[in-house]
Amino acid sequence: MTSFDLDVDGVLEVLEKVWPEADTMSEKGSQATTNGNAIEGQCGTAADVAAAFSALWSSRSEVGTRAADYAQACADAVGMASAAISDQDDLMDDNAGMALSSVDPVQQPLKVHV
Protein backbone atom coordinates (compact mmCIF):
# COMPACT_ATOMS: atom_id res chain seq x y z
CA MET A 1 0.00 0.00 0.00
CA THR A 2 1.33 3.39 -0.95
CA SER A 3 1.35 6.09 1.67
CA PHE A 4 1.98 9.77 1.27
CA ASP A 5 1.77 12.94 3.27
CA LEU A 6 0.75 16.10 1.47
CA ASP A 7 2.28 19.20 3.00
CA VAL A 8 -0.40 21.70 2.00
CA ASP A 9 1.34 24.56 3.79
CA GLY A 10 4.56 23.75 1.94
CA VAL A 11 2.74 23.63 -1.39
CA LEU A 12 1.02 26.93 -0.68
CA GLU A 13 4.35 28.48 0.35
CA VAL A 14 5.81 27.56 -3.03
CA LEU A 15 2.72 28.80 -4.84
CA GLU A 16 2.91 32.12 -3.00
CA LYS A 17 6.27 32.56 -4.71
CA VAL A 18 4.91 31.50 -8.11
CA TRP A 19 1.94 33.90 -8.20
CA PRO A 20 3.98 37.15 -7.96
CA GLU A 21 6.43 35.83 -10.54
CA ALA A 22 3.53 35.08 -12.88
CA ASP A 23 2.21 38.60 -12.29
CA THR A 24 5.62 40.02 -13.17
CA MET A 25 5.73 37.82 -16.25
CA SER A 26 2.28 39.09 -17.26
CA GLU A 27 3.38 42.72 -16.86
CA LYS A 28 6.50 42.10 -18.94
CA GLY A 29 4.44 40.24 -21.54
CA SER A 30 2.05 43.18 -21.78
CA GLN A 31 4.97 45.57 -22.18
CA ALA A 32 6.47 43.37 -24.91
CA THR A 33 3.10 43.37 -26.70
CA THR A 34 2.92 47.16 -26.49
CA ASN A 35 6.52 47.58 -27.69
CA GLY A 36 6.06 45.12 -30.53
CA ASN A 37 2.88 46.82 -31.66
CA ALA A 38 4.70 50.17 -31.65
CA ILE A 39 7.43 48.89 -33.99
CA GLU A 40 5.03 48.69 -36.92
CA GLY A 41 4.24 52.38 -36.51
CA GLN A 42 7.93 53.22 -36.43
CA CYS A 43 8.59 51.80 -39.88
CA GLY A 44 7.56 55.09 -41.42
CA THR A 45 7.19 54.88 -45.18
CA ALA A 46 8.62 51.34 -45.36
CA ALA A 47 5.18 49.82 -45.81
CA ASP A 48 6.52 46.42 -46.90
CA VAL A 49 8.70 46.20 -43.78
CA ALA A 50 5.77 47.25 -41.59
CA ALA A 51 3.51 44.66 -43.21
CA ALA A 52 6.13 41.91 -42.85
CA PHE A 53 6.71 42.75 -39.20
CA SER A 54 2.97 42.93 -38.58
CA ALA A 55 2.48 39.47 -40.11
CA LEU A 56 5.28 38.07 -37.95
CA TRP A 57 4.25 39.83 -34.76
CA SER A 58 0.49 39.22 -34.91
CA SER A 59 0.82 35.54 -34.02
CA ARG A 60 3.41 36.18 -31.31
CA SER A 61 2.30 39.40 -29.65
CA GLU A 62 0.54 37.79 -26.71
CA VAL A 63 2.91 34.90 -25.98
CA GLY A 64 4.21 36.45 -22.75
CA THR A 65 0.81 37.23 -21.29
CA ARG A 66 -0.62 33.86 -22.33
CA ALA A 67 2.31 32.05 -20.73
CA ALA A 68 1.79 34.05 -17.53
CA ASP A 69 -1.93 33.25 -17.55
CA TYR A 70 -1.09 29.57 -17.99
CA ALA A 71 1.39 29.63 -15.09
CA GLN A 72 -1.17 31.34 -12.85
CA ALA A 73 -3.89 28.86 -13.82
CA CYS A 74 -1.58 25.92 -13.10
CA ALA A 75 -0.61 27.36 -9.73
CA ASP A 76 -4.28 27.91 -8.87
CA ALA A 77 -5.14 24.33 -9.87
CA VAL A 78 -2.31 22.87 -7.80
CA GLY A 79 -3.37 24.94 -4.78
CA MET A 80 -7.00 23.89 -5.05
CA ALA A 81 -6.09 20.23 -5.62
CA SER A 82 -3.74 20.19 -2.63
CA ALA A 83 -6.37 21.68 -0.35
CA ALA A 84 -9.06 19.30 -1.65
CA ILE A 85 -6.84 16.23 -1.21
CA SER A 86 -5.98 17.28 2.32
CA ASP A 87 -9.62 17.99 3.21
CA GLN A 88 -10.81 14.68 1.79
CA ASP A 89 -8.01 12.82 3.57
CA ASP A 90 -9.13 14.35 6.86
CA LEU A 91 -12.75 13.46 6.07
CA MET A 92 -11.84 9.84 5.25
CA ASP A 93 -9.85 9.60 8.48
CA ASP A 94 -12.78 10.97 10.50
CA ASN A 95 -15.27 8.63 8.79
CA ALA A 96 -13.04 5.60 9.32
CA GLY A 97 -12.61 6.49 12.98
CA MET A 98 -16.38 6.84 13.46
CA ALA A 99 -17.05 3.58 11.61
CA LEU A 100 -14.53 1.68 13.72
CA SER A 101 -15.90 3.10 16.96
CA SER A 102 -19.39 1.85 16.11
CA VAL A 103 -18.34 -1.74 15.37
CA ASP A 104 -19.01 -4.30 18.07
CA PRO A 105 -15.86 -6.09 19.11
CA VAL A 106 -15.66 -9.72 18.07
CA GLN A 107 -16.33 -11.91 21.10
CA GLN A 108 -14.85 -15.09 19.69
CA PRO A 109 -12.12 -15.55 17.17
CA LEU A 110 -13.31 -16.24 13.67
CA LYS A 111 -12.78 -19.76 12.42
CA VAL A 112 -11.61 -20.00 8.89
CA HIS A 113 -12.21 -23.24 7.02
CA VAL A 114 -9.86 -23.97 4.22
C-alpha atoms as a PDB file:
ATOM      1  CA  MET A   1       0.000   0.000   0.000  1.00  0.00           C
ATOM      2  CA  THR A   2       1.329   3.391  -0.947  1.00  0.00           C
ATOM      3  CA  SER A   3       1.347   6.091   1.669  1.00  0.00           C
ATOM      4  CA  PHE A   4       1.979   9.771   1.270  1.00  0.00           C
ATOM      5  CA  ASP A   5       1.768  12.938   3.272  1.00  0.00           C
ATOM      6  CA  LEU A   6       0.750  16.105   1.470  1.00  0.00           C
ATOM      7  CA  ASP A   7       2.284  19.200   2.998  1.00  0.00           C
ATOM      8  CA  VAL A   8      -0.404  21.703   2.000  1.00  0.00           C
ATOM      9  CA  ASP A   9       1.336  24.562   3.794  1.00  0.00           C
ATOM     10  CA  GLY A  10       4.562  23.750   1.938  1.00  0.00           C
ATOM     11  CA  VAL A  11       2.742  23.626  -1.393  1.00  0.00           C
ATOM     12  CA  LEU A  12       1.020  26.932  -0.683  1.00  0.00           C
ATOM     13  CA  GLU A  13       4.345  28.476   0.352  1.00  0.00           C
ATOM     14  CA  VAL A  14       5.814  27.565  -3.029  1.00  0.00           C
ATOM     15  CA  LEU A  15       2.718  28.805  -4.843  1.00  0.00           C
ATOM     16  CA  GLU A  16       2.910  32.119  -2.996  1.00  0.00           C
ATOM     17  CA  LYS A  17       6.274  32.557  -4.708  1.00  0.00           C
ATOM     18  CA  VAL A  18       4.914  31.504  -8.112  1.00  0.00           C
ATOM     19  CA  TRP A  19       1.942  33.900  -8.202  1.00  0.00           C
ATOM     20  CA  PRO A  20       3.981  37.147  -7.961  1.00  0.00           C
ATOM     21  CA  GLU A  21       6.435  35.830 -10.538  1.00  0.00           C
ATOM     22  CA  ALA A  22       3.535  35.076 -12.879  1.00  0.00           C
ATOM     23  CA  ASP A  23       2.213  38.603 -12.285  1.00  0.00           C
ATOM     24  CA  THR A  24       5.624  40.023 -13.171  1.00  0.00           C
ATOM     25  CA  MET A  25       5.726  37.819 -16.255  1.00  0.00           C
ATOM     26  CA  SER A  26       2.285  39.093 -17.263  1.00  0.00           C
ATOM     27  CA  GLU A  27       3.381  42.719 -16.864  1.00  0.00           C
ATOM     28  CA  LYS A  28       6.501  42.101 -18.943  1.00  0.00           C
ATOM     29  CA  GLY A  29       4.439  40.244 -21.536  1.00  0.00           C
ATOM     30  CA  SER A  30       2.047  43.181 -21.781  1.00  0.00           C
ATOM     31  CA  GLN A  31       4.966  45.573 -22.185  1.00  0.00           C
ATOM     32  CA  ALA A  32       6.466  43.366 -24.914  1.00  0.00           C
ATOM     33  CA  THR A  33       3.103  43.372 -26.700  1.00  0.00           C
ATOM     34  CA  THR A  34       2.925  47.158 -26.490  1.00  0.00           C
ATOM     35  CA  ASN A  35       6.521  47.584 -27.687  1.00  0.00           C
ATOM     36  CA  GLY A  36       6.063  45.120 -30.531  1.00  0.00           C
ATOM     37  CA  ASN A  37       2.877  46.822 -31.661  1.00  0.00           C
ATOM     38  CA  ALA A  38       4.704  50.165 -31.650  1.00  0.00           C
ATOM     39  CA  ILE A  39       7.430  48.894 -33.994  1.00  0.00           C
ATOM     40  CA  GLU A  40       5.033  48.686 -36.925  1.00  0.00           C
ATOM     41  CA  GLY A  41       4.238  52.377 -36.506  1.00  0.00           C
ATOM     42  CA  GLN A  42       7.933  53.221 -36.433  1.00  0.00           C
ATOM     43  CA  CYS A  43       8.588  51.802 -39.880  1.00  0.00           C
ATOM     44  CA  GLY A  44       7.557  55.091 -41.425  1.00  0.00           C
ATOM     45  CA  THR A  45       7.194  54.879 -45.185  1.00  0.00           C
ATOM     46  CA  ALA A  46       8.619  51.341 -45.363  1.00  0.00           C
ATOM     47  CA  ALA A  47       5.178  49.820 -45.812  1.00  0.00           C
ATOM     48  CA  ASP A  48       6.523  46.422 -46.898  1.00  0.00           C
ATOM     49  CA  VAL A  49       8.702  46.204 -43.781  1.00  0.00           C
ATOM     50  CA  ALA A  50       5.772  47.249 -41.585  1.00  0.00           C
ATOM     51  CA  ALA A  51       3.511  44.657 -43.207  1.00  0.00           C
ATOM     52  CA  ALA A  52       6.132  41.909 -42.853  1.00  0.00           C
ATOM     53  CA  PHE A  53       6.705  42.751 -39.203  1.00  0.00           C
ATOM     54  CA  SER A  54       2.967  42.931 -38.581  1.00  0.00           C
ATOM     55  CA  ALA A  55       2.482  39.471 -40.107  1.00  0.00           C
ATOM     56  CA  LEU A  56       5.278  38.066 -37.955  1.00  0.00           C
ATOM     57  CA  TRP A  57       4.246  39.828 -34.757  1.00  0.00           C
ATOM     58  CA  SER A  58       0.494  39.220 -34.908  1.00  0.00           C
ATOM     59  CA  SER A  59       0.815  35.536 -34.022  1.00  0.00           C
ATOM     60  CA  ARG A  60       3.410  36.179 -31.307  1.00  0.00           C
ATOM     61  CA  SER A  61       2.302  39.400 -29.648  1.00  0.00           C
ATOM     62  CA  GLU A  62       0.539  37.792 -26.707  1.00  0.00           C
ATOM     63  CA  VAL A  63       2.913  34.896 -25.985  1.00  0.00           C
ATOM     64  CA  GLY A  64       4.212  36.450 -22.754  1.00  0.00           C
ATOM     65  CA  THR A  65       0.808  37.227 -21.285  1.00  0.00           C
ATOM     66  CA  ARG A  66      -0.619  33.864 -22.328  1.00  0.00           C
ATOM     67  CA  ALA A  67       2.308  32.046 -20.730  1.00  0.00           C
ATOM     68  CA  ALA A  68       1.788  34.050 -17.530  1.00  0.00           C
ATOM     69  CA  ASP A  69      -1.928  33.249 -17.553  1.00  0.00           C
ATOM     70  CA  TYR A  70      -1.089  29.566 -17.990  1.00  0.00           C
ATOM     71  CA  ALA A  71       1.386  29.635 -15.086  1.00  0.00           C
ATOM     72  CA  GLN A  72      -1.168  31.342 -12.855  1.00  0.00           C
ATOM     73  CA  ALA A  73      -3.891  28.865 -13.817  1.00  0.00           C
ATOM     74  CA  CYS A  74      -1.582  25.918 -13.104  1.00  0.00           C
ATOM     75  CA  ALA A  75      -0.613  27.364  -9.730  1.00  0.00           C
ATOM     76  CA  ASP A  76      -4.282  27.906  -8.875  1.00  0.00           C
ATOM     77  CA  ALA A  77      -5.145  24.335  -9.871  1.00  0.00           C
ATOM     78  CA  VAL A  78      -2.306  22.869  -7.798  1.00  0.00           C
ATOM     79  CA  GLY A  79      -3.366  24.941  -4.781  1.00  0.00           C
ATOM     80  CA  MET A  80      -7.004  23.886  -5.053  1.00  0.00           C
ATOM     81  CA  ALA A  81      -6.094  20.235  -5.622  1.00  0.00           C
ATOM     82  CA  SER A  82      -3.740  20.186  -2.632  1.00  0.00           C
ATOM     83  CA  ALA A  83      -6.365  21.683  -0.351  1.00  0.00           C
ATOM     84  CA  ALA A  84      -9.056  19.303  -1.646  1.00  0.00           C
ATOM     85  CA  ILE A  85      -6.843  16.234  -1.206  1.00  0.00           C
ATOM     86  CA  SER A  86      -5.980  17.278   2.321  1.00  0.00           C
ATOM     87  CA  ASP A  87      -9.617  17.995   3.206  1.00  0.00           C
ATOM     88  CA  GLN A  88     -10.806  14.676   1.790  1.00  0.00           C
ATOM     89  CA  ASP A  89      -8.009  12.815   3.566  1.00  0.00           C
ATOM     90  CA  ASP A  90      -9.127  14.352   6.855  1.00  0.00           C
ATOM     91  CA  LEU A  91     -12.747  13.459   6.070  1.00  0.00           C
ATOM     92  CA  MET A  92     -11.835   9.836   5.253  1.00  0.00           C
ATOM     93  CA  ASP A  93      -9.847   9.604   8.481  1.00  0.00           C
ATOM     94  CA  ASP A  94     -12.780  10.971  10.502  1.00  0.00           C
ATOM     95  CA  ASN A  95     -15.266   8.630   8.789  1.00  0.00           C
ATOM     96  CA  ALA A  96     -13.038   5.601   9.319  1.00  0.00           C
ATOM     97  CA  GLY A  97     -12.608   6.487  12.982  1.00  0.00           C
ATOM     98  CA  MET A  98     -16.378   6.837  13.461  1.00  0.00           C
ATOM     99  CA  ALA A  99     -17.051   3.584  11.612  1.00  0.00           C
ATOM    100  CA  LEU A 100     -14.533   1.684  13.723  1.00  0.00           C
ATOM    101  CA  SER A 101     -15.902   3.099  16.961  1.00  0.00           C
ATOM    102  CA  SER A 102     -19.392   1.851  16.105  1.00  0.00           C
ATOM    103  CA  VAL A 103     -18.340  -1.740  15.369  1.00  0.00           C
ATOM    104  CA  ASP A 104     -19.008  -4.303  18.073  1.00  0.00           C
ATOM    105  CA  PRO A 105     -15.862  -6.089  19.106  1.00  0.00           C
ATOM    106  CA  VAL A 106     -15.661  -9.723  18.073  1.00  0.00           C
ATOM    107  CA  GLN A 107     -16.328 -11.913  21.101  1.00  0.00           C
ATOM    108  CA  GLN A 108     -14.846 -15.093  19.693  1.00  0.00           C
ATOM    109  CA  PRO A 109     -12.122 -15.554  17.165  1.00  0.00           C
ATOM    110  CA  LEU A 110     -13.313 -16.240  13.669  1.00  0.00           C
ATOM    111  CA  LYS A 111     -12.785 -19.761  12.422  1.00  0.00           C
ATOM    112  CA  VAL A 112     -11.612 -20.004   8.887  1.00  0.00           C
ATOM    113  CA  HIS A 113     -12.214 -23.244   7.017  1.00  0.00           C
ATOM    114  CA  VAL A 114      -9.860 -23.969   4.223  1.00  0.00           C
END
